Structures are given as structure tokens and as C-alpha cells.
Amino acid sequence: MSMSKASPGKAAGIRMAPPGDDERVRRLSLFDRLMGRPEFAAVAGAVLVFVVFGVSAGGSGMFAVDGIVNWSQVAAYLGIIAIGACLLMIAGEFDLSLGSMIGFAGMMVAIPPLYFGWPFWLAILFAFAGSLAVGWLNGYLVLKTRLPSFIVTLAFLFILRGLTLALSILFANRTIVSGVGDLAAADPLAQWLFVGHVGAGLFHWLAGIGAIASLPDGGAAAAGVPKVLLWWLALAGIAAFVLARTRIGNWIFAAGGDANAAKNVGVPVKQVKIGLFMFTAFCACLFAVLQVCDVGSAAADRGLQKEFEAIIAAVIGGCLLTGGYGSVVGACVGALIFGVVQIGITYTNINSDWFRVFLGLMLLMAVLFNHYVRRRVTEAK
């Protein structure tokens, strides 16, 4: 007499799921894996942008060495502040004072050496210290009062912009403080870290042998690799590593995903968020120092609307406005798209006024795509 053995699941009255239905062991297609990456839409958009400008402006010099330096420099400036905005958004907060901080930090760099005789390196340190203090105050007020960061930093947007304008009028009697370029060039610290280009000799040699475009006097059309580009790449590498490979990165995602749950498992949410507000202010100050050293002046309108451009770059790069999701690499690709389009339009017959239209459309498409991806992932679970 034969006896059939029932499986443990059937004996207990439990419905066993087919092996392929378990999301923990289910094999995802390459497309699904790519769709799950925050930066996928940004990379796809960047490829499309390069194809469009390759066809429409390929023979205009946009992709010559000097053209590449032009649009990569624009992307680098935006990329620096987009990294700060990205990390803060992943943690579930915003900093709308970022653009005003650029103008304010520029004044902190320019005024002390010109009107008080400070060494230029000391003015740079003073600007970083002041910016970090404002970043700390932003974060402290947000967490202490529990007001939305949108409101607190919006207030500081006006406070810092007003202080910048008042200081420039008080000391220079106009909205621009000039004459900083010579001081920066004579300062060893500024000269080493912030002023000029890297590889100028190599570029000059390449121009001499005809490998790259040259000026009528024989010099290279591109002076070298701008130092802002090196700062951007270094900052992006460090931030991407911290976010993806360290405990701090896990804390950032946890703070933005569910702050209360994160607190319950020991994540120092307050310290993480205040630290990110300070890091965002640091990025704004770095932008300001590099810009002041590059153009030789500070102005009250510097950084105007840069807070929105940084947030747009982060959103294009995959950051959710609700927090808990995003990518530093994606934010950098978003900044690259911004730089390519802004400068690329000047190499075509397209009116530059269309740039803002394109930027708005890119933002809308990025938000819709991110919403679609998150909904698809949620339904799959």
C-alpha cells in the first residue's frame, strides 16, 4: 500500500508561492535594473542632448577643446551646488538660500582684503566659516521649530540677499566690488587651489603642433583645464562614495525615507540634517570663492536663482521631492545637461531665450519619469 507524502506547506494549509514570484530571488531584466537606478533618466537625457547638439552644432566648434571647456565649466559650477542640494533633498529637506549664500560668501571674500587689509587666504577662511555658521543656523532652526525647510531657507534667501546688497553699497557704493583679481593672483593659497587652470603648458604645446585650436598669437584657444572642473569631479567622487558606501550614506537615505523610524533604530537624524545644511552652505561658498577668483570681483546679484537650478539638476538626476531617493551621479549628469544646453544654444541658430523653456520641460519630464518609476517599483512589490 503506497502512501503519498504531502509537502509541509500543504499540510499546514499554507499556499506556497511559485519560485519566480518571490521578489528576493526573482531575476530582473537589464531594462528593469536600469529603470531602478535614480540616474537612468538623466543619463538617457544626456545622451539625447549630445546627439541633438552633435547634429545641429557639431561643425561649429562646440565639441572642439575650447568648446568643451566652455560648457564643462558651466556644468562644473552648477554641479558643485547640485551635489549639496542633492544630498539635502535625499535627506528630505530643501535649501532655498543657496543662491543668496553664493552672493553673500563672495562679499565675505572680497570686502575684508580690499577694505580692511586682510590677507586673501584669511578672507577665504572667513567666508567658509561664515557660510558654515549660516548653514548650521538654517538646520538648527528647521529642526528646532519643526517648520518646513522651505519656509526657513526662503527667509534666509531674502536676508542674505539683502545683506549682500547692503554691504556692497556700504563699502563700494555700488553693487559690484572689483579689484580682487590681483589680490587672488598674488596669494599662494588662492593661486594653488582656486585661480587659473591646470595643464596650461600642455595645452600650449598641443596648440603649437596643431592638435587643438590656437589663437592668432599662437597660444591655445583653451588655456587649460579650469580648476572648478577639478573641484567638481573631486567633490562628486567623495560625495558619491559617502552616499553609496558608508554608514553616513545609509543615515542620509534613512533620514529622508522615514525620519521617525530612523530615530527609532538609532540614526542621528538631527545631526545628519544639520550637517547636510552646513555641507550645502560649504558648496555655495566654494562656488563663490572659485567665481571671485575667476572674474576678480564680487557682485550683489551673484548666485541669483542658482538655488532653483541646483534643485532642477538634482531632480533631473533622479532625486525625489519627498526625500529618501536620489543619486549624486545623477545630479552631476543633470548639471552637465544644463551646461551643454546653455552653451550649446549659442553655437546654433536657436534663440537663447528658449533655454528656460527647455529647462522647465526637462524638469517636468524628470518629475513625471521619477513618479512613474517609483509607482512601478511599488506595484512590483
Protein backbone atom coordinates (compact mmCIF):
# COMPACT_ATOMS: atom_id res chain seq x y z
CA MET A 1 0.00 0.00 0.00
CA SER A 2 1.54 3.26 -1.16
CA MET A 3 1.29 6.50 0.73
CA SER A 4 1.73 9.92 -0.80
CA LYS A 5 3.61 12.49 1.21
CA ALA A 6 2.16 15.96 1.46
CA SER A 7 4.53 18.89 1.46
CA PRO A 8 4.91 20.78 4.76
CA GLY A 9 3.27 23.81 3.23
CA LYS A 10 0.19 21.90 2.12
CA ALA A 11 -0.04 20.08 5.43
CA ALA A 12 -0.13 23.40 7.26
CA GLY A 13 -2.63 24.86 4.83
CA ILE A 14 -0.13 27.42 3.55
CA ARG A 15 -0.19 28.47 -0.10
CA MET A 16 3.33 28.20 -1.47
CA ALA A 17 4.29 30.94 -3.92
CA PRO A 18 5.90 29.85 -7.17
CA PRO A 19 9.69 30.32 -7.08
CA GLY A 20 9.57 33.11 -9.65
CA ASP A 21 7.11 35.20 -7.59
CA ASP A 22 9.50 35.89 -4.72
CA GLU A 23 10.99 39.35 -5.31
CA ARG A 24 14.04 38.39 -3.24
CA VAL A 25 15.12 35.74 -5.77
CA ARG A 26 13.37 36.96 -8.92
CA ARG A 27 15.77 37.70 -11.77
CA LEU A 28 15.21 41.17 -13.16
CA SER A 29 15.81 42.07 -16.76
CA LEU A 30 18.55 44.52 -17.67
CA PHE A 31 15.93 47.13 -18.53
CA ASP A 32 14.23 46.75 -15.14
CA ARG A 33 17.57 47.07 -13.36
CA LEU A 34 18.37 50.23 -15.31
CA MET A 35 14.93 51.66 -14.62
CA GLY A 36 15.56 51.15 -10.93
CA ARG A 37 18.62 53.40 -10.99
CA PRO A 38 17.91 57.04 -9.97
CA GLU A 39 20.27 58.43 -12.61
CA PHE A 40 18.82 56.44 -15.54
CA ALA A 41 16.61 59.25 -16.85
CA ALA A 42 19.43 61.80 -16.54
CA VAL A 43 21.88 59.62 -18.46
CA ALA A 44 19.30 58.94 -21.17
CA GLY A 45 18.55 62.66 -21.37
CA ALA A 46 22.25 63.50 -21.59
CA VAL A 47 22.71 61.06 -24.48
CA LEU A 48 19.76 62.66 -26.28
CA VAL A 49 21.12 66.18 -25.69
CA PHE A 50 24.56 65.24 -27.02
CA VAL A 51 23.00 63.65 -30.10
CA VAL A 52 20.85 66.72 -30.79
CA PHE A 53 23.73 69.18 -30.47
CA GLY A 54 26.10 66.83 -32.26
CA VAL A 55 23.79 67.02 -35.27
CA SER A 56 22.83 70.70 -35.03
CA ALA A 57 26.13 72.21 -33.83
CA GLY A 58 28.73 69.53 -34.49
CA GLY A 59 30.66 71.61 -37.01
CA SER A 60 30.53 74.88 -35.08
CA GLY A 61 33.34 74.17 -32.63
CA MET A 62 31.12 73.17 -29.72
CA PHE A 63 32.94 69.85 -29.40
CA ALA A 64 36.40 71.27 -30.01
CA VAL A 65 38.64 71.51 -26.94
CA ASP A 66 37.81 75.15 -26.23
CA GLY A 67 34.09 74.47 -26.70
CA ILE A 68 34.21 71.51 -24.32
CA VAL A 69 35.99 73.65 -21.73
CA ASN A 70 33.29 76.31 -22.05
CA TRP A 71 30.27 74.10 -21.38
CA SER A 72 32.03 71.85 -18.89
CA GLN A 73 32.96 74.93 -16.82
CA VAL A 74 29.31 76.00 -16.66
CA ALA A 75 28.34 72.44 -15.70
CA ALA A 76 31.06 72.33 -13.03
CA TYR A 77 29.88 75.48 -11.25
CA LEU A 78 26.31 74.22 -11.16
CA GLY A 79 27.44 70.68 -10.35
CA ILE A 80 29.16 71.81 -7.16
CA ILE A 81 25.98 73.25 -5.67
CA ALA A 82 23.82 70.49 -7.19
CA ILE A 83 25.76 67.94 -5.12
CA GLY A 84 24.90 69.79 -1.91
CA ALA A 85 21.27 70.22 -2.96
CA CYS A 86 21.06 66.53 -3.92
CA LEU A 87 22.26 65.18 -0.58
CA LEU A 88 19.98 67.54 1.32
CA MET A 89 16.98 66.56 -0.81
CA ILE A 90 17.68 62.86 -0.25
CA ALA A 91 17.52 63.64 3.48
CA GLY A 92 14.10 65.22 2.90
CA GLU A 93 14.99 68.93 3.13
CA PHE A 94 15.49 71.96 0.85
CA ASP A 95 17.78 74.97 1.00
CA LEU A 96 16.38 77.91 -0.96
CA SER A 97 19.05 80.25 0.46
CA LEU A 98 21.77 78.52 -1.57
CA GLY A 99 21.87 81.14 -4.34
CA SER A 100 21.89 84.06 -1.93
CA MET A 101 24.68 82.36 0.01
CA ILE A 102 26.82 82.49 -3.14
CA GLY A 103 26.48 86.28 -3.33
CA PHE A 104 26.97 86.73 0.43
CA ALA A 105 30.05 84.48 0.54
CA GLY A 106 31.50 86.38 -2.41
CA MET A 107 31.24 89.60 -0.41
CA MET A 108 32.89 87.93 2.59
CA VAL A 109 35.81 87.03 0.32
CA ALA A 110 36.13 90.43 -1.41
CA ILE A 111 35.47 93.08 1.26
CA PRO A 112 37.97 92.17 4.06
CA PRO A 113 41.15 92.21 1.91
CA LEU A 114 40.11 95.31 -0.04
CA TYR A 115 38.85 97.50 2.80
CA PHE A 116 40.47 96.05 5.94
CA GLY A 117 43.79 94.85 4.59
CA TRP A 118 43.28 91.18 5.42
CA PRO A 119 45.42 88.53 3.71
CA PHE A 120 43.37 86.98 0.93
CA TRP A 121 43.71 83.46 2.35
CA LEU A 122 42.27 84.67 5.66
CA ALA A 123 39.27 86.16 3.84
CA ILE A 124 38.68 82.79 2.17
CA LEU A 125 38.72 81.01 5.53
CA PHE A 126 36.44 83.70 6.96
CA ALA A 127 33.96 83.15 4.12
CA PHE A 128 33.91 79.40 4.67
CA ALA A 129 33.47 79.83 8.43
CA GLY A 130 30.65 82.34 7.96
CA SER A 131 28.90 80.13 5.41
CA LEU A 132 29.11 77.07 7.65
CA ALA A 133 27.67 79.12 10.52
CA VAL A 134 24.69 80.18 8.38
CA GLY A 135 24.22 76.58 7.25
CA TRP A 136 24.22 75.43 10.86
CA LEU A 137 21.68 78.12 11.77
CA ASN A 138 19.43 77.06 8.90
CA GLY A 139 19.48 73.45 10.02
CA TYR A 140 19.08 74.28 13.70
CA LEU A 141 16.03 76.48 13.10
CA VAL A 142 14.40 73.88 10.83
CA LEU A 143 14.79 71.11 13.39
CA LYS A 144 14.15 73.23 16.50
CA THR A 145 10.99 74.92 15.24
CA ARG A 146 9.84 71.98 13.06
CA LEU A 147 8.94 74.50 10.38
CA PRO A 148 9.31 73.34 6.78
CA SER A 149 12.83 73.93 5.49
CA PHE A 150 11.19 75.63 2.52
CA ILE A 151 9.98 78.46 4.78
CA VAL A 152 13.11 78.86 6.91
CA THR A 153 15.53 78.90 3.99
CA LEU A 154 13.22 81.15 1.96
CA ALA A 155 13.55 83.68 4.77
CA PHE A 156 17.34 83.37 4.62
CA LEU A 157 17.20 83.80 0.85
CA PHE A 158 15.93 87.36 1.41
CA ILE A 159 18.08 88.03 4.49
CA LEU A 160 21.35 87.06 2.79
CA ARG A 161 20.49 88.80 -0.48
CA GLY A 162 19.63 91.97 1.42
CA LEU A 163 22.85 91.82 3.45
CA THR A 164 24.86 91.29 0.27
CA LEU A 165 23.32 94.33 -1.38
CA ALA A 166 23.70 96.47 1.76
CA LEU A 167 27.37 95.54 2.23
CA SER A 168 28.27 96.24 -1.38
CA ILE A 169 26.63 99.69 -1.24
CA LEU A 170 28.16 100.45 2.16
CA PHE A 171 31.75 99.71 1.14
CA ALA A 172 31.90 100.15 -2.64
CA ASN A 173 28.92 102.50 -3.13
CA ARG A 174 27.75 100.22 -5.94
CA THR A 175 26.52 96.65 -6.37
CA ILE A 176 29.85 95.27 -7.52
CA VAL A 177 33.12 95.07 -5.55
CA SER A 178 36.01 94.87 -8.01
CA GLY A 179 39.79 94.74 -7.75
CA VAL A 180 40.01 91.29 -6.17
CA GLY A 181 41.72 89.57 -9.09
CA ASP A 182 45.22 90.89 -8.37
CA LEU A 183 44.92 90.00 -4.68
CA ALA A 184 43.88 86.46 -5.56
CA ALA A 185 46.69 86.05 -8.08
CA ALA A 186 49.26 87.19 -5.50
CA ASP A 187 48.03 84.87 -2.75
CA PRO A 188 49.78 81.45 -2.68
CA LEU A 189 46.77 79.55 -1.29
CA ALA A 190 44.32 81.04 -3.78
CA GLN A 191 46.79 80.63 -6.64
CA TRP A 192 47.28 76.96 -5.81
CA LEU A 193 43.66 75.98 -5.16
CA PHE A 194 41.32 78.39 -6.91
CA VAL A 195 42.93 80.63 -9.54
CA GLY A 196 43.52 79.75 -13.16
CA HIS A 197 43.85 76.46 -14.98
CA VAL A 198 45.74 73.19 -14.80
CA GLY A 199 47.79 71.92 -17.74
CA ALA A 200 48.33 75.30 -19.41
CA GLY A 201 51.74 74.21 -20.71
CA LEU A 202 50.31 71.04 -22.24
CA PHE A 203 47.52 72.94 -23.97
CA HIS A 204 50.01 75.48 -25.33
CA TRP A 205 52.16 72.67 -26.71
CA LEU A 206 49.14 70.96 -28.30
CA ALA A 207 48.18 74.26 -29.95
CA GLY A 208 51.74 74.64 -31.22
CA ILE A 209 51.65 71.31 -33.04
CA GLY A 210 48.14 71.94 -34.37
CA ALA A 211 46.39 69.29 -32.26
CA ILE A 212 43.94 71.85 -30.84
CA ALA A 213 42.74 75.27 -31.95
CA SER A 214 45.10 78.18 -31.44
CA LEU A 215 44.78 81.96 -31.19
CA PRO A 216 46.35 84.40 -33.69
CA ASP A 217 49.30 84.91 -31.31
CA GLY A 218 49.99 81.17 -31.23
CA GLY A 219 48.51 80.49 -27.80
CA ALA A 220 45.92 77.80 -27.14
CA ALA A 221 42.25 78.71 -27.58
CA ALA A 222 41.67 76.87 -24.30
CA ALA A 223 44.02 77.97 -21.51
CA GLY A 224 43.82 74.61 -19.74
CA VAL A 225 41.52 72.60 -17.50
CA PRO A 226 39.63 75.02 -15.20
CA LYS A 227 40.22 74.32 -11.52
CA VAL A 228 36.48 74.49 -10.91
CA LEU A 229 36.19 71.33 -13.02
CA LEU A 230 38.70 69.51 -10.81
CA TRP A 231 36.86 70.64 -7.68
CA TRP A 232 33.59 69.37 -9.13
CA LEU A 233 35.00 65.95 -10.01
CA ALA A 234 36.69 65.58 -6.62
CA LEU A 235 33.58 66.64 -4.70
CA ALA A 236 31.37 64.36 -6.80
CA GLY A 237 33.64 61.37 -6.22
CA ILE A 238 33.78 61.89 -2.47
CA ALA A 239 30.02 62.54 -2.13
CA ALA A 240 29.10 59.55 -4.30
CA PHE A 241 31.37 57.28 -2.25
CA VAL A 242 29.99 58.54 1.07
CA LEU A 243 26.39 58.14 -0.11
CA ALA A 244 26.80 54.65 -1.57
CA ARG A 245 29.48 53.01 0.57
CA THR A 246 29.39 54.42 4.10
CA ARG A 247 27.18 54.41 7.17
CA ILE A 248 26.64 58.15 6.75
CA GLY A 249 25.12 57.48 3.34
CA ASN A 250 22.70 54.99 4.88
CA TRP A 251 21.79 57.57 7.50
CA ILE A 252 21.06 60.16 4.80
CA PHE A 253 18.68 57.81 2.97
CA ALA A 254 17.05 56.76 6.25
CA ALA A 255 16.53 60.36 7.40
CA GLY A 256 14.76 61.20 4.15
CA GLY A 257 12.79 57.97 3.88
CA ASP A 258 11.21 57.92 7.35
CA ALA A 259 12.80 60.16 9.97
CA ASN A 260 10.82 58.69 12.88
CA ALA A 261 11.69 55.11 12.01
CA ALA A 262 15.30 56.16 11.52
CA LYS A 263 15.39 57.70 15.01
CA ASN A 264 13.97 54.53 16.50
CA VAL A 265 16.86 52.46 15.13
CA GLY A 266 19.50 54.89 16.33
CA VAL A 267 20.12 57.12 13.33
CA PRO A 268 21.22 60.62 14.49
CA VAL A 269 18.70 62.36 12.25
CA LYS A 270 19.20 65.87 13.66
CA GLN A 271 22.98 65.74 13.34
CA VAL A 272 22.73 64.34 9.81
CA LYS A 273 20.36 67.05 8.62
CA ILE A 274 22.25 69.92 10.26
CA GLY A 275 25.47 68.55 8.78
CA LEU A 276 23.89 68.50 5.32
CA PHE A 277 22.67 72.09 5.65
CA MET A 278 26.27 73.01 6.51
CA PHE A 279 27.60 71.00 3.57
CA THR A 280 25.20 72.77 1.20
CA ALA A 281 26.46 76.12 2.52
CA PHE A 282 30.04 74.89 2.04
CA CYS A 283 29.27 74.07 -1.61
CA ALA A 284 27.78 77.54 -2.12
CA CYS A 285 30.87 79.16 -0.59
CA LEU A 286 33.19 77.04 -2.75
CA PHE A 287 31.22 78.21 -5.80
CA ALA A 288 31.63 81.84 -4.65
CA VAL A 289 35.37 81.59 -3.94
CA LEU A 290 36.08 80.00 -7.33
CA GLN A 291 33.94 82.59 -9.10
CA VAL A 292 35.51 85.57 -7.31
CA CYS A 293 39.00 84.28 -8.10
CA ASP A 294 37.99 83.69 -11.72
CA VAL A 295 36.33 87.02 -12.54
CA GLY A 296 38.17 89.18 -9.98
CA SER A 297 35.09 90.71 -8.36
CA ALA A 298 32.05 90.09 -6.17
CA ALA A 299 28.57 91.33 -7.04
CA ALA A 300 25.27 91.60 -5.19
CA ASP A 301 23.37 89.65 -7.86
CA ARG A 302 25.75 86.68 -8.00
CA GLY A 303 24.03 83.35 -7.48
CA LEU A 304 20.62 84.73 -8.45
CA GLN A 305 18.19 81.79 -8.97
CA LYS A 306 21.03 79.29 -8.60
CA GLU A 307 19.07 77.56 -5.84
CA PHE A 308 16.40 76.61 -8.38
CA GLU A 309 18.95 75.50 -10.96
CA ALA A 310 20.64 73.26 -8.37
CA ILE A 311 17.32 71.71 -7.35
CA ILE A 312 16.39 71.20 -11.02
CA ALA A 313 19.71 69.46 -11.69
CA ALA A 314 19.13 67.19 -8.68
CA VAL A 315 15.57 66.35 -9.76
CA ILE A 316 16.67 65.66 -13.34
CA GLY A 317 19.29 63.39 -11.77
CA GLY A 318 16.64 61.30 -10.02
CA CYS A 319 16.07 62.95 -6.63
CA LEU A 320 12.53 62.78 -5.33
CA LEU A 321 11.00 65.92 -3.85
CA THR A 322 9.73 63.77 -0.98
CA GLY A 323 13.22 62.59 0.01
CA GLY A 324 14.75 59.17 0.56
CA TYR A 325 15.80 58.61 -3.05
CA GLY A 326 18.43 60.08 -5.35
CA SER A 327 21.93 59.91 -6.75
CA VAL A 328 24.97 62.19 -6.70
CA VAL A 329 25.97 60.88 -10.12
CA GLY A 330 22.51 61.72 -11.43
CA ALA A 331 22.70 65.27 -10.05
CA CYS A 332 26.06 65.74 -11.77
CA VAL A 333 24.63 64.47 -15.06
CA GLY A 334 21.75 66.90 -14.60
CA ALA A 335 24.26 69.73 -14.20
CA LEU A 336 26.08 68.51 -17.32
CA ILE A 337 22.85 68.65 -19.32
CA PHE A 338 22.33 72.20 -18.05
CA GLY A 339 25.83 73.29 -19.14
CA VAL A 340 25.64 71.63 -22.55
CA VAL A 341 22.27 73.17 -23.37
CA GLN A 342 23.06 76.66 -22.04
CA ILE A 343 26.29 76.96 -24.01
CA GLY A 344 25.22 74.72 -26.89
CA ILE A 345 22.37 77.04 -27.83
CA THR A 346 24.90 79.79 -28.58
CA TYR A 347 26.52 77.51 -31.19
CA THR A 348 23.22 77.10 -33.05
CA ASN A 349 20.69 79.43 -34.64
CA ILE A 350 18.25 78.88 -31.77
CA ASN A 351 17.32 81.96 -29.75
CA SER A 352 18.85 81.71 -26.27
CA ASP A 353 15.50 82.72 -24.75
CA TRP A 354 14.35 79.15 -25.38
CA PHE A 355 16.83 77.85 -22.81
CA ARG A 356 14.47 78.46 -19.87
CA VAL A 357 11.65 76.75 -21.76
CA PHE A 358 13.85 73.71 -22.27
CA LEU A 359 14.85 73.74 -18.60
CA GLY A 360 11.22 73.77 -17.48
CA LEU A 361 10.32 70.93 -19.83
CA MET A 362 13.29 68.87 -18.60
CA LEU A 363 12.17 69.39 -15.00
CA LEU A 364 8.59 68.36 -15.78
CA MET A 365 9.68 65.25 -17.69
CA ALA A 366 12.09 64.27 -14.92
CA VAL A 367 9.40 64.57 -12.23
CA LEU A 368 6.92 62.56 -14.31
CA PHE A 369 9.52 59.88 -15.06
CA ASN A 370 10.59 59.59 -11.42
CA HIS A 371 6.95 59.30 -10.37
CA TYR A 372 6.38 56.56 -12.96
CA VAL A 373 9.45 54.60 -11.84
CA ARG A 374 8.54 54.79 -8.16
CA ARG A 375 4.95 53.71 -8.89
CA ARG A 376 6.20 50.81 -10.99
CA VAL A 377 8.58 49.68 -8.25
CA THR A 378 5.82 49.94 -5.63
CA GLU A 379 3.38 47.93 -7.74
CA ALA A 380 6.04 45.27 -8.39
CA LYS A 381 6.38 44.74 -4.65
